Amino acid sequence: MNSTSPLIFFVDVDDTFVRSYGSKRIPIPATIEHLKNLNTQGAILYCWSSGGTEYARNSAAEFGIESIFTGFLPKPNVMIDDLHINEWRNLIQVHPNSCVSKTMNDYKEELKK
């Protein structure tokens, strides 16, 4: 991975930047702030959800972060690739509970491992 290349993030909606309790939707402020910081640091962010493209876009708009995302996507049902996802180069999965204190440099260092 080129050290000057921007990092690409795919960000889920539910239980990542919003929690639902019945019909009530509650933002997760720490994750939302983290995503804003990543955007400021030059990350390219895509929002995706198994709820679909419009659900992802509407959720981001609901919490005032639609503009930080480059695009909105549904999560795929099928991925066709010659490599298993665990074999992808330059890919890490980060749980939202462990990402809040990370910076772009932290992610870049982790990708070097």
N, C-alpha and C. Protein backbone atom coordinates (compact mmCIF):
# COMPACT_ATOMS: atom_id res chain seq x y z
N MET A 1 0.83 -1.18 0.00
CA MET A 1 0.00 0.00 0.00
C MET A 1 0.88 1.24 0.00
N ASN A 2 0.56 2.15 -0.88
CA ASN A 2 1.30 3.40 -0.98
C ASN A 2 0.97 4.28 0.23
N SER A 3 1.99 4.79 0.90
CA SER A 3 1.78 5.57 2.12
C SER A 3 1.07 6.89 1.86
N THR A 4 1.07 7.35 0.60
CA THR A 4 0.37 8.60 0.29
C THR A 4 -1.05 8.36 -0.20
N SER A 5 -1.41 7.12 -0.45
CA SER A 5 -2.76 6.81 -0.89
C SER A 5 -3.74 7.02 0.25
N PRO A 6 -4.92 7.56 -0.06
CA PRO A 6 -5.91 7.72 1.01
C PRO A 6 -6.43 6.34 1.44
N LEU A 7 -6.85 6.26 2.68
CA LEU A 7 -7.46 5.03 3.15
C LEU A 7 -8.94 5.04 2.80
N ILE A 8 -9.44 3.90 2.37
CA ILE A 8 -10.83 3.74 2.00
C ILE A 8 -11.53 2.99 3.14
N PHE A 9 -12.62 3.55 3.65
CA PHE A 9 -13.39 2.95 4.75
C PHE A 9 -14.80 2.64 4.27
N PHE A 10 -15.29 1.45 4.59
CA PHE A 10 -16.69 1.11 4.41
C PHE A 10 -17.29 1.07 5.81
N VAL A 11 -18.29 1.87 6.05
CA VAL A 11 -18.84 2.07 7.38
C VAL A 11 -20.29 1.58 7.43
N ASP A 12 -20.57 0.68 8.33
CA ASP A 12 -21.92 0.17 8.53
C ASP A 12 -22.75 1.21 9.27
N VAL A 13 -24.06 1.03 9.27
CA VAL A 13 -24.98 1.95 9.95
C VAL A 13 -25.35 1.43 11.33
N ASP A 14 -26.14 0.37 11.37
CA ASP A 14 -26.73 -0.12 12.62
C ASP A 14 -25.68 -0.68 13.57
N ASP A 15 -25.73 -0.19 14.79
CA ASP A 15 -24.81 -0.55 15.87
C ASP A 15 -23.38 -0.14 15.57
N THR A 16 -23.23 0.75 14.58
CA THR A 16 -21.92 1.35 14.30
C THR A 16 -21.99 2.84 14.61
N PHE A 17 -22.90 3.58 13.94
CA PHE A 17 -23.07 4.98 14.33
C PHE A 17 -24.49 5.30 14.82
N VAL A 18 -25.36 4.30 14.83
CA VAL A 18 -26.71 4.48 15.39
C VAL A 18 -27.17 3.17 16.03
N ARG A 19 -27.84 3.31 17.17
CA ARG A 19 -28.47 2.16 17.83
C ARG A 19 -29.97 2.36 17.79
N SER A 20 -30.68 1.27 17.67
CA SER A 20 -32.14 1.33 17.68
C SER A 20 -32.68 0.59 18.89
N TYR A 21 -33.57 1.25 19.59
CA TYR A 21 -34.30 0.65 20.70
C TYR A 21 -35.77 0.80 20.36
N GLY A 22 -36.37 -0.29 19.87
CA GLY A 22 -37.74 -0.19 19.36
C GLY A 22 -37.74 0.75 18.17
N SER A 23 -38.59 1.76 18.23
CA SER A 23 -38.65 2.72 17.13
C SER A 23 -37.73 3.92 17.34
N LYS A 24 -37.07 3.98 18.48
CA LYS A 24 -36.17 5.10 18.79
C LYS A 24 -34.78 4.83 18.23
N ARG A 25 -34.21 5.82 17.55
CA ARG A 25 -32.86 5.72 16.99
C ARG A 25 -31.95 6.66 17.75
N ILE A 26 -30.87 6.11 18.27
CA ILE A 26 -29.97 6.87 19.13
C ILE A 26 -28.59 6.92 18.48
N PRO A 27 -28.07 8.12 18.25
CA PRO A 27 -26.73 8.22 17.65
C PRO A 27 -25.67 7.72 18.61
N ILE A 28 -24.56 7.28 18.05
CA ILE A 28 -23.39 6.89 18.83
C ILE A 28 -22.36 8.00 18.61
N PRO A 29 -22.37 9.00 19.50
CA PRO A 29 -21.56 10.21 19.29
C PRO A 29 -20.07 9.95 19.09
N ALA A 30 -19.49 9.02 19.83
CA ALA A 30 -18.05 8.77 19.71
C ALA A 30 -17.71 8.28 18.30
N THR A 31 -18.52 7.40 17.75
CA THR A 31 -18.25 6.90 16.39
C THR A 31 -18.48 8.00 15.36
N ILE A 32 -19.53 8.76 15.52
CA ILE A 32 -19.81 9.85 14.58
C ILE A 32 -18.66 10.85 14.58
N GLU A 33 -18.15 11.20 15.73
CA GLU A 33 -17.02 12.12 15.82
C GLU A 33 -15.77 11.51 15.17
N HIS A 34 -15.56 10.22 15.40
CA HIS A 34 -14.42 9.53 14.80
C HIS A 34 -14.51 9.59 13.27
N LEU A 35 -15.69 9.34 12.73
CA LEU A 35 -15.87 9.38 11.27
C LEU A 35 -15.62 10.78 10.73
N LYS A 36 -16.08 11.79 11.43
CA LYS A 36 -15.81 13.18 11.02
C LYS A 36 -14.32 13.47 11.02
N ASN A 37 -13.62 12.99 12.05
CA ASN A 37 -12.17 13.19 12.12
C ASN A 37 -11.45 12.47 10.98
N LEU A 38 -11.87 11.25 10.67
CA LEU A 38 -11.26 10.53 9.55
C LEU A 38 -11.46 11.29 8.26
N ASN A 39 -12.65 11.81 8.05
CA ASN A 39 -12.94 12.59 6.86
C ASN A 39 -12.02 13.80 6.78
N THR A 40 -11.83 14.49 7.89
CA THR A 40 -10.95 15.65 7.96
C THR A 40 -9.50 15.27 7.65
N GLN A 41 -9.11 14.05 8.05
CA GLN A 41 -7.75 13.58 7.82
C GLN A 41 -7.55 13.01 6.41
N GLY A 42 -8.58 13.04 5.58
CA GLY A 42 -8.43 12.62 4.19
C GLY A 42 -8.94 11.23 3.86
N ALA A 43 -9.59 10.57 4.79
CA ALA A 43 -10.14 9.24 4.51
C ALA A 43 -11.27 9.36 3.49
N ILE A 44 -11.43 8.32 2.70
CA ILE A 44 -12.56 8.24 1.79
C ILE A 44 -13.54 7.25 2.42
N LEU A 45 -14.73 7.75 2.75
CA LEU A 45 -15.70 6.99 3.50
C LEU A 45 -16.91 6.63 2.63
N TYR A 46 -17.28 5.36 2.68
CA TYR A 46 -18.51 4.89 2.05
C TYR A 46 -19.39 4.35 3.16
N CYS A 47 -20.67 4.64 3.08
CA CYS A 47 -21.62 4.15 4.06
C CYS A 47 -22.42 3.03 3.41
N TRP A 48 -22.50 1.89 4.11
CA TRP A 48 -23.27 0.79 3.56
C TRP A 48 -24.09 0.12 4.64
N SER A 49 -25.14 -0.56 4.19
CA SER A 49 -26.03 -1.23 5.14
C SER A 49 -26.76 -2.36 4.45
N SER A 50 -27.05 -3.39 5.23
CA SER A 50 -27.88 -4.47 4.69
C SER A 50 -29.30 -3.96 4.47
N GLY A 51 -29.64 -2.79 5.03
CA GLY A 51 -30.93 -2.15 4.79
C GLY A 51 -31.03 -1.48 3.43
N GLY A 52 -29.91 -1.39 2.71
CA GLY A 52 -29.92 -0.84 1.36
C GLY A 52 -29.33 0.56 1.27
N THR A 53 -29.21 1.01 0.04
CA THR A 53 -28.59 2.30 -0.27
C THR A 53 -29.34 3.47 0.37
N GLU A 54 -30.64 3.52 0.17
CA GLU A 54 -31.42 4.65 0.70
C GLU A 54 -31.44 4.66 2.22
N TYR A 55 -31.48 3.49 2.83
CA TYR A 55 -31.44 3.42 4.29
C TYR A 55 -30.11 3.98 4.80
N ALA A 56 -29.01 3.62 4.14
CA ALA A 56 -27.69 4.12 4.53
C ALA A 56 -27.64 5.63 4.37
N ARG A 57 -28.09 6.15 3.24
CA ARG A 57 -28.07 7.59 2.97
C ARG A 57 -28.98 8.33 3.97
N ASN A 58 -30.17 7.83 4.18
CA ASN A 58 -31.11 8.49 5.09
C ASN A 58 -30.61 8.47 6.53
N SER A 59 -29.95 7.40 6.93
CA SER A 59 -29.41 7.32 8.29
C SER A 59 -28.29 8.34 8.48
N ALA A 60 -27.41 8.44 7.50
CA ALA A 60 -26.34 9.43 7.58
C ALA A 60 -26.91 10.85 7.62
N ALA A 61 -27.91 11.11 6.80
CA ALA A 61 -28.55 12.43 6.79
C ALA A 61 -29.23 12.71 8.13
N GLU A 62 -29.87 11.71 8.70
CA GLU A 62 -30.56 11.87 9.98
C GLU A 62 -29.63 12.38 11.07
N PHE A 63 -28.37 11.96 11.01
CA PHE A 63 -27.41 12.34 12.05
C PHE A 63 -26.39 13.37 11.57
N GLY A 64 -26.70 14.01 10.45
CA GLY A 64 -25.91 15.14 9.98
C GLY A 64 -24.53 14.81 9.43
N ILE A 65 -24.35 13.58 8.96
CA ILE A 65 -23.02 13.21 8.45
C ILE A 65 -23.06 12.74 6.99
N GLU A 66 -24.13 13.01 6.30
CA GLU A 66 -24.24 12.58 4.90
C GLU A 66 -23.09 13.13 4.05
N SER A 67 -22.68 14.35 4.31
CA SER A 67 -21.67 14.99 3.46
C SER A 67 -20.27 14.41 3.62
N ILE A 68 -20.00 13.65 4.68
CA ILE A 68 -18.66 13.09 4.84
C ILE A 68 -18.46 11.83 4.01
N PHE A 69 -19.54 11.28 3.47
CA PHE A 69 -19.45 10.04 2.70
C PHE A 69 -19.36 10.31 1.21
N THR A 70 -18.51 9.55 0.56
CA THR A 70 -18.36 9.63 -0.89
C THR A 70 -19.53 8.96 -1.59
N GLY A 71 -20.06 7.91 -0.97
CA GLY A 71 -21.16 7.18 -1.59
C GLY A 71 -21.87 6.30 -0.58
N PHE A 72 -23.00 5.76 -1.03
CA PHE A 72 -23.85 4.92 -0.19
C PHE A 72 -24.16 3.64 -0.97
N LEU A 73 -24.08 2.52 -0.27
CA LEU A 73 -24.22 1.22 -0.92
C LEU A 73 -25.01 0.26 -0.04
N PRO A 74 -25.65 -0.73 -0.69
CA PRO A 74 -26.17 -1.84 0.10
C PRO A 74 -25.01 -2.78 0.39
N LYS A 75 -25.09 -3.53 1.48
CA LYS A 75 -24.08 -4.57 1.69
C LYS A 75 -24.36 -5.67 0.67
N PRO A 76 -23.32 -6.28 0.15
CA PRO A 76 -23.53 -7.31 -0.88
C PRO A 76 -24.10 -8.59 -0.28
N ASN A 77 -24.79 -9.34 -1.14
CA ASN A 77 -25.25 -10.68 -0.77
C ASN A 77 -24.25 -11.73 -1.25
N VAL A 78 -23.56 -11.41 -2.33
CA VAL A 78 -22.59 -12.34 -2.91
C VAL A 78 -21.37 -11.52 -3.31
N MET A 79 -20.19 -12.03 -2.99
CA MET A 79 -18.95 -11.41 -3.44
C MET A 79 -18.24 -12.44 -4.31
N ILE A 80 -17.88 -12.03 -5.49
CA ILE A 80 -17.14 -12.90 -6.40
C ILE A 80 -15.72 -12.36 -6.47
N ASP A 81 -14.79 -13.15 -5.96
CA ASP A 81 -13.40 -12.72 -5.89
C ASP A 81 -12.54 -13.97 -5.87
N ASP A 82 -11.35 -13.88 -6.44
CA ASP A 82 -10.46 -15.04 -6.44
C ASP A 82 -9.86 -15.31 -5.08
N LEU A 83 -9.90 -14.31 -4.18
CA LEU A 83 -9.34 -14.48 -2.84
C LEU A 83 -10.45 -14.45 -1.80
N HIS A 84 -10.26 -15.26 -0.76
CA HIS A 84 -11.16 -15.19 0.39
C HIS A 84 -10.92 -13.86 1.08
N ILE A 85 -11.95 -13.29 1.66
CA ILE A 85 -11.82 -11.96 2.29
C ILE A 85 -10.71 -11.92 3.33
N ASN A 86 -10.45 -13.03 4.03
CA ASN A 86 -9.36 -13.07 5.01
C ASN A 86 -7.98 -12.99 4.36
N GLU A 87 -7.91 -13.19 3.06
CA GLU A 87 -6.64 -13.14 2.34
C GLU A 87 -6.41 -11.80 1.65
N TRP A 88 -7.37 -10.89 1.71
CA TRP A 88 -7.22 -9.61 1.05
C TRP A 88 -6.06 -8.85 1.65
N ARG A 89 -5.23 -8.28 0.79
CA ARG A 89 -4.15 -7.42 1.25
C ARG A 89 -4.74 -6.09 1.68
N ASN A 90 -4.10 -5.47 2.62
CA ASN A 90 -4.47 -4.12 3.03
C ASN A 90 -5.93 -4.00 3.46
N LEU A 91 -6.40 -4.99 4.22
CA LEU A 91 -7.77 -4.94 4.75
C LEU A 91 -7.75 -5.32 6.21
N ILE A 92 -8.35 -4.47 7.04
CA ILE A 92 -8.54 -4.80 8.44
C ILE A 92 -10.00 -4.54 8.78
N GLN A 93 -10.51 -5.28 9.73
CA GLN A 93 -11.85 -5.04 10.23
C GLN A 93 -11.72 -4.48 11.64
N VAL A 94 -12.42 -3.38 11.90
CA VAL A 94 -12.33 -2.71 13.19
C VAL A 94 -13.73 -2.59 13.78
N HIS A 95 -13.90 -3.07 15.00
CA HIS A 95 -15.18 -2.94 15.68
C HIS A 95 -15.35 -1.49 16.12
N PRO A 96 -16.57 -0.94 16.02
CA PRO A 96 -16.75 0.47 16.39
C PRO A 96 -16.35 0.79 17.84
N ASN A 97 -16.45 -0.17 18.73
CA ASN A 97 -16.06 0.08 20.12
C ASN A 97 -14.56 0.30 20.28
N SER A 98 -13.76 -0.16 19.32
CA SER A 98 -12.31 -0.04 19.46
C SER A 98 -11.70 0.98 18.50
N CYS A 99 -12.52 1.74 17.80
CA CYS A 99 -11.96 2.65 16.80
C CYS A 99 -11.86 4.10 17.25
N VAL A 100 -12.56 4.48 18.28
CA VAL A 100 -12.72 5.88 18.63
C VAL A 100 -11.40 6.61 18.84
N SER A 101 -10.44 5.99 19.46
CA SER A 101 -9.18 6.68 19.74
C SER A 101 -8.15 6.54 18.62
N LYS A 102 -8.49 5.86 17.54
CA LYS A 102 -7.54 5.64 16.46
C LYS A 102 -7.45 6.86 15.54
N THR A 103 -6.27 7.02 14.97
CA THR A 103 -6.04 8.05 13.96
C THR A 103 -5.76 7.36 12.63
N MET A 104 -5.67 8.16 11.58
CA MET A 104 -5.31 7.60 10.27
C MET A 104 -3.97 6.89 10.36
N ASN A 105 -3.02 7.47 11.08
CA ASN A 105 -1.70 6.84 11.22
C ASN A 105 -1.80 5.49 11.93
N ASP A 106 -2.68 5.39 12.93
CA ASP A 106 -2.88 4.10 13.60
C ASP A 106 -3.35 3.05 12.61
N TYR A 107 -4.32 3.41 11.76
CA TYR A 107 -4.82 2.46 10.76
C TYR A 107 -3.73 2.09 9.76
N LYS A 108 -2.95 3.07 9.33
CA LYS A 108 -1.87 2.80 8.38
C LYS A 108 -0.83 1.86 8.99
N GLU A 109 -0.49 2.08 10.25
CA GLU A 109 0.47 1.19 10.93
C GLU A 109 -0.08 -0.22 11.04
N GLU A 110 -1.35 -0.33 11.38
CA GLU A 110 -1.95 -1.66 11.49
C GLU A 110 -1.98 -2.38 10.15
N LEU A 111 -2.17 -1.65 9.09
CA LEU A 111 -2.17 -2.25 7.75
C LEU A 111 -0.79 -2.73 7.33
N LYS A 112 0.26 -2.19 7.91
CA LYS A 112 1.62 -2.61 7.58
C LYS A 112 1.96 -3.97 8.16
N LYS A 113 1.24 -4.40 9.19
CA LYS A 113 1.55 -5.67 9.87
C LYS A 113 1.30 -6.85 8.97
